[in-house]
Amino acid sequence: MNRSTTAALKTAAGTKKRRSFLSRWDAPIAGYLFIAPWLIGFFGLTAYPMFLSLYYSFTDYTLMEPISWVGLRNYERIFTADDKFVQSIKVTFMYVLASVPLKLAVALLVALLLNKSMKGISAYRTAIYFPSLIGGSIAVSLLWRNIFGVDGIFNQILAAFGIEGTGWITNPSTALSTLILLTVWQFGSSMVIFLAGLKQIPNDLYEASSVDGANRFVQFFKITLPMLSPTLYFNLIMGVINAFQMFTSAYVITNGGPMNSTYVYALYLYERAFSRYQLGYSSALAWIMLVMIVIVAAIIAGTSKYWVFYETESGGRKSK
């Protein structure tokens, strides 16, 4: 082998090593470049504001004056000398305990009705899901306020049957119920998830149970609910999280009234931050909300082992 051939082989080997070294670095760099928009959005729009609000919660930050460190004073005031905090907690828990189960029940019932093969079923599903597409908007809240106002459509319908209506959103005993009804009306997202879960239940289970003499009632509680429990668990967690953060409808329809009967926690937080400019105090309120949501979610997750079942590889069922 002459010298030129040896040099060419050495050059080729060196080039191959350099390419191997670069290829080991190219893959990670390319991956980080692809996810760079998400990383920038997460750290710039989520992580940084969260930790900044945690810092502000220990300060007396009002936008009008320099930031001053006050330690746990904001939290002490919230838990010991803030009557509106207690009221907002009561209203929020009443709203969550009423709206979430009702919304899930309606969503499951409608999903069961739509889980059929019939002509035009897709159109029915689309029409029923449509309110969820526009749900939570200011326009829907304004429409709801007009429907349940003193001269609203609902009272006009009652008057046609000789029933005297009332100011549903101006009456402290019914105002929160109108907001709960609005939330239940927007059941489309949960319904679609339930419908997807129902599609995964093998039809053989229903056929076998029918042979054994099980009626629809028994099939629902012995087959449908256990097989649908993971989907129910997901919808429950998401429903609780969203219910704790309810703001738009309470702000637009009732603005917390009458007599603070719809004064939910998010509305109180907003008032402290953008009406009184107490950003440090409102940051503490926000972190208390986060802790409350985490605790409730942890309780649901802890009890899920008693009622959530997953199908095993052998075809049986096991609890979480």
Protein backbone atom coordinates (compact mmCIF):
# COMPACT_ATOMS: atom_id res chain seq x y z
CA MET A 1 0.00 0.00 0.00
CA ASN A 2 1.54 3.28 -1.10
CA ARG A 3 1.63 6.51 0.89
CA SER A 4 -1.19 8.21 -0.99
CA THR A 5 -3.56 5.34 -0.28
CA THR A 6 -2.64 5.34 3.40
CA ALA A 7 -3.19 9.09 3.65
CA ALA A 8 -6.56 8.80 1.94
CA LEU A 9 -7.64 6.09 4.38
CA LYS A 10 -6.55 8.18 7.37
CA THR A 11 -8.41 11.20 6.01
CA ALA A 12 -11.56 9.14 5.49
CA ALA A 13 -11.31 7.72 9.03
CA GLY A 14 -10.86 11.21 10.49
CA THR A 15 -13.83 12.54 8.54
CA LYS A 16 -15.96 9.63 9.73
CA LYS A 17 -15.02 10.32 13.36
CA ARG A 18 -15.86 14.01 12.97
CA ARG A 19 -19.20 13.15 11.41
CA SER A 20 -19.93 10.70 14.22
CA PHE A 21 -19.06 13.33 16.81
CA LEU A 22 -21.20 15.97 15.10
CA SER A 23 -24.12 13.58 14.67
CA ARG A 24 -24.16 12.95 18.42
CA TRP A 25 -24.62 16.69 18.94
CA ASP A 26 -26.88 17.41 15.99
CA ALA A 27 -29.80 15.31 17.27
CA PRO A 28 -30.13 16.99 20.71
CA ILE A 29 -29.64 20.46 19.23
CA ALA A 30 -32.28 19.83 16.60
CA GLY A 31 -34.65 18.54 19.26
CA TYR A 32 -34.19 21.64 21.43
CA LEU A 33 -34.68 23.88 18.41
CA PHE A 34 -38.00 22.19 17.64
CA ILE A 35 -39.29 22.59 21.19
CA ALA A 36 -37.77 26.06 21.67
CA PRO A 37 -41.10 27.89 21.06
CA TRP A 38 -42.77 25.78 23.76
CA LEU A 39 -39.84 26.26 26.17
CA ILE A 40 -39.88 30.04 25.63
CA GLY A 41 -43.64 30.13 26.16
CA PHE A 42 -43.48 27.91 29.26
CA PHE A 43 -40.66 29.73 31.03
CA GLY A 44 -41.64 33.22 29.84
CA LEU A 45 -45.42 33.01 30.17
CA THR A 46 -45.97 30.35 32.86
CA ALA A 47 -43.00 29.50 35.09
CA TYR A 48 -41.59 33.02 35.47
CA PRO A 49 -44.97 34.69 36.25
CA MET A 50 -45.78 31.93 38.74
CA PHE A 51 -42.59 32.35 40.73
CA LEU A 52 -42.87 36.12 40.46
CA SER A 53 -46.40 35.98 41.91
CA LEU A 54 -45.08 33.77 44.72
CA TYR A 55 -42.53 36.45 45.53
CA TYR A 56 -45.17 39.18 45.33
CA SER A 57 -47.38 37.27 47.77
CA PHE A 58 -44.83 38.05 50.48
CA THR A 59 -44.72 41.76 49.61
CA ASP A 60 -46.92 44.84 49.85
CA TYR A 61 -47.06 45.46 46.10
CA THR A 62 -49.64 48.04 44.99
CA LEU A 63 -48.25 49.43 41.67
CA MET A 64 -48.37 52.89 43.22
CA GLU A 65 -45.59 52.42 45.76
CA PRO A 66 -42.21 50.65 45.89
CA ILE A 67 -42.34 46.93 46.67
CA SER A 68 -41.77 46.23 50.36
CA TRP A 69 -41.25 42.80 51.93
CA VAL A 70 -43.91 41.91 54.52
CA GLY A 71 -43.33 38.18 54.94
CA LEU A 72 -46.43 36.22 55.92
CA ARG A 73 -48.49 39.31 56.77
CA ASN A 74 -50.71 38.96 53.68
CA TYR A 75 -51.57 35.37 54.55
CA GLU A 76 -52.18 36.31 58.18
CA ARG A 77 -54.63 39.03 57.13
CA ILE A 78 -56.42 36.70 54.75
CA PHE A 79 -57.05 34.00 57.34
CA THR A 80 -57.72 36.20 60.36
CA ALA A 81 -59.18 39.54 59.27
CA ASP A 82 -60.77 39.15 55.84
CA ASP A 83 -64.52 38.52 55.92
CA LYS A 84 -64.85 38.62 52.14
CA PHE A 85 -62.32 35.81 51.85
CA VAL A 86 -64.53 33.59 54.00
CA GLN A 87 -67.62 34.54 52.00
CA SER A 88 -65.93 33.87 48.67
CA ILE A 89 -64.73 30.47 49.91
CA LYS A 90 -68.27 29.51 50.95
CA VAL A 91 -69.78 30.60 47.62
CA THR A 92 -67.06 28.89 45.62
CA PHE A 93 -67.44 25.56 47.40
CA MET A 94 -71.23 25.74 47.04
CA TYR A 95 -70.76 26.36 43.34
CA VAL A 96 -68.25 23.52 42.92
CA LEU A 97 -70.28 20.98 44.91
CA ALA A 98 -73.43 21.75 42.92
CA SER A 99 -72.20 22.43 39.39
CA VAL A 100 -69.62 19.66 38.93
CA PRO A 101 -71.82 16.63 39.79
CA LEU A 102 -74.80 18.07 37.86
CA LYS A 103 -72.68 18.79 34.80
CA LEU A 104 -71.16 15.30 34.83
CA ALA A 105 -74.57 13.67 35.30
CA VAL A 106 -76.10 15.57 32.37
CA ALA A 107 -73.05 14.96 30.19
CA LEU A 108 -73.14 11.22 30.91
CA LEU A 109 -76.88 10.99 30.31
CA VAL A 110 -76.65 12.76 26.95
CA ALA A 111 -73.61 10.67 25.97
CA LEU A 112 -75.61 7.51 26.65
CA LEU A 113 -78.44 8.80 24.48
CA LEU A 114 -76.05 9.69 21.65
CA ASN A 115 -74.10 6.43 21.82
CA LYS A 116 -76.21 4.86 19.12
CA SER A 117 -75.94 4.11 15.43
CA MET A 118 -78.72 5.99 13.69
CA LYS A 119 -79.19 8.30 10.76
CA GLY A 120 -78.14 11.88 11.45
CA ILE A 121 -76.55 11.12 14.83
CA SER A 122 -73.46 13.18 13.93
CA ALA A 123 -75.62 16.25 13.39
CA TYR A 124 -77.24 15.78 16.80
CA ARG A 125 -73.84 15.44 18.46
CA THR A 126 -72.57 18.61 16.76
CA ALA A 127 -75.66 20.60 17.73
CA ILE A 128 -75.47 19.50 21.36
CA TYR A 129 -71.73 20.18 21.55
CA PHE A 130 -72.07 23.67 20.04
CA PRO A 131 -72.84 25.53 23.34
CA SER A 132 -69.47 24.42 24.70
CA LEU A 133 -67.70 26.08 21.77
CA ILE A 134 -69.11 29.48 22.73
CA GLY A 135 -69.33 28.77 26.46
CA GLY A 136 -67.52 31.01 28.92
CA SER A 137 -67.66 34.03 26.62
CA ILE A 138 -68.93 37.46 27.56
CA ALA A 139 -71.60 37.26 24.86
CA VAL A 140 -73.09 34.09 26.35
CA SER A 141 -73.04 35.63 29.82
CA LEU A 142 -74.87 38.71 28.57
CA LEU A 143 -77.42 36.49 26.82
CA TRP A 144 -77.91 34.50 30.03
CA ARG A 145 -78.44 37.72 32.00
CA ASN A 146 -81.14 38.79 29.56
CA ILE A 147 -82.85 35.40 29.62
CA PHE A 148 -83.14 35.31 33.42
CA GLY A 149 -83.74 39.00 34.01
CA VAL A 150 -87.01 40.31 35.43
CA ASP A 151 -88.34 40.93 31.89
CA GLY A 152 -86.39 38.04 30.40
CA ILE A 153 -87.53 35.25 28.14
CA PHE A 154 -87.74 32.74 30.99
CA ASN A 155 -90.23 34.84 32.95
CA GLN A 156 -92.22 35.44 29.77
CA ILE A 157 -92.54 31.69 29.26
CA LEU A 158 -93.66 31.25 32.87
CA ALA A 159 -96.20 34.06 32.45
CA ALA A 160 -97.68 32.23 29.45
CA PHE A 161 -98.57 29.40 31.84
CA GLY A 162 -99.90 31.75 34.50
CA ILE A 163 -96.81 31.51 36.71
CA GLU A 164 -95.35 34.67 38.18
CA GLY A 165 -91.61 34.84 37.71
CA THR A 166 -88.95 36.60 39.73
CA GLY A 167 -85.66 38.35 39.20
CA TRP A 168 -83.58 35.20 39.04
CA ILE A 169 -80.26 37.01 38.98
CA THR A 170 -81.30 39.73 41.44
CA ASN A 171 -82.66 37.35 44.06
CA PRO A 172 -79.98 36.16 46.53
CA SER A 173 -81.65 32.75 46.84
CA THR A 174 -81.61 32.03 43.08
CA ALA A 175 -78.69 34.04 41.65
CA LEU A 176 -76.08 31.34 42.22
CA SER A 177 -78.44 28.73 40.75
CA THR A 178 -78.55 30.63 37.45
CA LEU A 179 -74.76 30.51 37.24
CA ILE A 180 -74.79 26.80 38.05
CA LEU A 181 -77.40 26.25 35.34
CA LEU A 182 -75.19 28.06 32.83
CA THR A 183 -72.27 25.80 33.71
CA VAL A 184 -74.40 22.67 33.41
CA TRP A 185 -75.67 23.86 30.01
CA GLN A 186 -72.06 23.86 28.77
CA PHE A 187 -71.62 20.09 29.18
CA GLY A 188 -70.44 19.43 25.63
CA SER A 189 -66.75 18.81 26.32
CA SER A 190 -67.43 16.30 29.09
CA MET A 191 -70.08 14.65 26.91
CA VAL A 192 -67.61 14.11 24.06
CA ILE A 193 -65.09 12.53 26.44
CA PHE A 194 -67.79 10.29 27.91
CA LEU A 195 -68.88 9.33 24.41
CA ALA A 196 -65.32 8.35 23.52
CA GLY A 197 -65.16 6.22 26.67
CA LEU A 198 -68.45 4.51 25.88
CA LYS A 199 -67.13 3.58 22.43
CA GLN A 200 -64.32 1.64 24.11
CA ILE A 201 -66.63 -0.64 26.10
CA PRO A 202 -66.89 -4.03 24.31
CA ASN A 203 -70.43 -4.81 23.19
CA ASP A 204 -69.80 -8.47 24.08
CA LEU A 205 -70.16 -7.57 27.76
CA TYR A 206 -73.70 -6.31 27.24
CA GLU A 207 -74.65 -9.32 25.11
CA ALA A 208 -73.31 -11.76 27.70
CA SER A 209 -75.11 -9.97 30.54
CA SER A 210 -78.36 -9.98 28.55
CA VAL A 211 -78.08 -13.74 28.19
CA ASP A 212 -77.69 -13.94 31.98
CA GLY A 213 -80.87 -11.89 32.41
CA ALA A 214 -79.40 -8.49 33.31
CA ASN A 215 -81.62 -5.52 32.48
CA ARG A 216 -80.49 -2.03 31.42
CA PHE A 217 -80.35 -0.81 35.01
CA VAL A 218 -78.05 -3.63 36.10
CA GLN A 219 -75.89 -3.25 32.99
CA PHE A 220 -75.39 0.44 33.69
CA PHE A 221 -74.14 -0.07 37.25
CA LYS A 222 -72.28 -3.35 36.69
CA ILE A 223 -70.73 -2.71 33.28
CA THR A 224 -71.02 0.87 32.05
CA LEU A 225 -70.02 2.75 35.18
CA PRO A 226 -67.07 0.51 36.15
CA MET A 227 -65.72 0.48 32.59
CA LEU A 228 -66.26 4.24 32.31
CA SER A 229 -64.76 5.08 35.71
CA PRO A 230 -61.34 6.24 34.35
CA THR A 231 -63.14 8.65 32.03
CA LEU A 232 -65.36 9.80 34.88
CA TYR A 233 -62.28 10.32 37.03
CA PHE A 234 -60.67 12.54 34.36
CA ASN A 235 -63.82 14.59 33.82
CA LEU A 236 -64.25 15.02 37.57
CA ILE A 237 -60.72 16.35 38.05
CA MET A 238 -61.00 18.75 35.12
CA GLY A 239 -64.46 19.87 36.20
CA VAL A 240 -63.30 20.68 39.73
CA ILE A 241 -60.28 22.65 38.48
CA ASN A 242 -62.41 24.68 36.07
CA ALA A 243 -65.16 25.28 38.64
CA PHE A 244 -62.74 26.71 41.20
CA GLN A 245 -61.56 29.22 38.59
CA MET A 246 -65.02 30.33 37.42
CA PHE A 247 -64.98 34.07 36.81
CA THR A 248 -66.56 35.37 33.59
CA SER A 249 -70.20 34.50 34.24
CA ALA A 250 -70.08 35.75 37.85
CA TYR A 251 -68.44 39.01 36.76
CA VAL A 252 -70.70 39.74 33.79
CA ILE A 253 -74.07 38.41 34.99
CA THR A 254 -74.14 39.35 38.67
CA ASN A 255 -70.79 41.00 39.51
CA GLY A 256 -70.79 39.08 42.77
CA GLY A 257 -74.26 40.19 43.85
CA PRO A 258 -76.86 40.34 45.07
CA MET A 259 -75.66 40.50 48.68
CA ASN A 260 -72.45 38.68 47.73
CA SER A 261 -74.45 35.51 46.94
CA THR A 262 -72.36 34.92 43.78
CA TYR A 263 -69.11 36.39 45.07
CA VAL A 264 -66.83 33.57 43.93
CA TYR A 265 -63.16 33.36 44.84
CA ALA A 266 -61.78 34.34 41.42
CA LEU A 267 -63.97 37.44 41.40
CA TYR A 268 -62.64 38.48 44.81
CA LEU A 269 -59.08 37.91 43.61
CA TYR A 270 -59.75 40.06 40.54
CA GLU A 271 -61.24 42.84 42.65
CA ARG A 272 -58.23 42.96 44.95
CA ALA A 273 -55.80 42.99 42.03
CA PHE A 274 -57.40 45.30 39.49
CA SER A 275 -59.83 47.44 41.49
CA ARG A 276 -57.78 48.04 44.60
CA TYR A 277 -54.38 47.40 42.94
CA GLN A 278 -53.29 45.20 45.85
CA LEU A 279 -51.20 42.87 43.71
CA GLY A 280 -49.22 41.43 46.59
CA TYR A 281 -52.41 40.57 48.48
CA SER A 282 -54.06 39.12 45.37
CA SER A 283 -50.97 37.02 44.65
CA ALA A 284 -51.35 35.46 48.10
CA LEU A 285 -55.02 34.79 47.30
CA ALA A 286 -53.99 33.14 44.03
CA TRP A 287 -51.56 30.78 45.76
CA ILE A 288 -54.20 29.89 48.33
CA MET A 289 -56.51 28.98 45.45
CA LEU A 290 -53.78 26.78 43.98
CA VAL A 291 -53.32 24.99 47.29
CA MET A 292 -57.08 24.46 47.62
CA ILE A 293 -57.30 22.96 44.14
CA VAL A 294 -54.32 20.69 44.82
CA ILE A 295 -55.84 19.49 48.10
CA VAL A 296 -59.23 18.73 46.54
CA ALA A 297 -57.59 17.01 43.57
CA ALA A 298 -55.41 14.97 45.94
CA ILE A 299 -58.49 13.87 47.91
CA ILE A 300 -60.20 12.76 44.70
CA ALA A 301 -57.03 10.97 43.57
CA GLY A 302 -56.67 9.28 46.95
CA THR A 303 -60.23 7.95 46.92
CA SER A 304 -60.08 6.91 43.27
CA LYS A 305 -58.59 3.53 44.18
CA TYR A 306 -61.97 2.55 45.58
CA TRP A 307 -64.04 3.41 42.52
CA VAL A 308 -61.77 3.71 39.45
CA PHE A 309 -61.13 0.45 37.63
CA TYR A 310 -58.80 -0.32 34.74
CA GLU A 311 -58.93 -3.27 32.39
CA THR A 312 -56.00 -5.66 32.75
CA GLU A 313 -54.17 -7.38 29.92
CA SER A 314 -56.01 -10.63 30.74
CA GLY A 315 -59.34 -8.92 30.23
CA GLY A 316 -60.25 -8.54 33.92
CA ARG A 317 -60.60 -5.39 35.97
CA LYS A 318 -58.40 -3.99 38.66
CA SER A 319 -58.68 -0.91 40.84
CA LYS A 320 -56.28 1.95 40.44
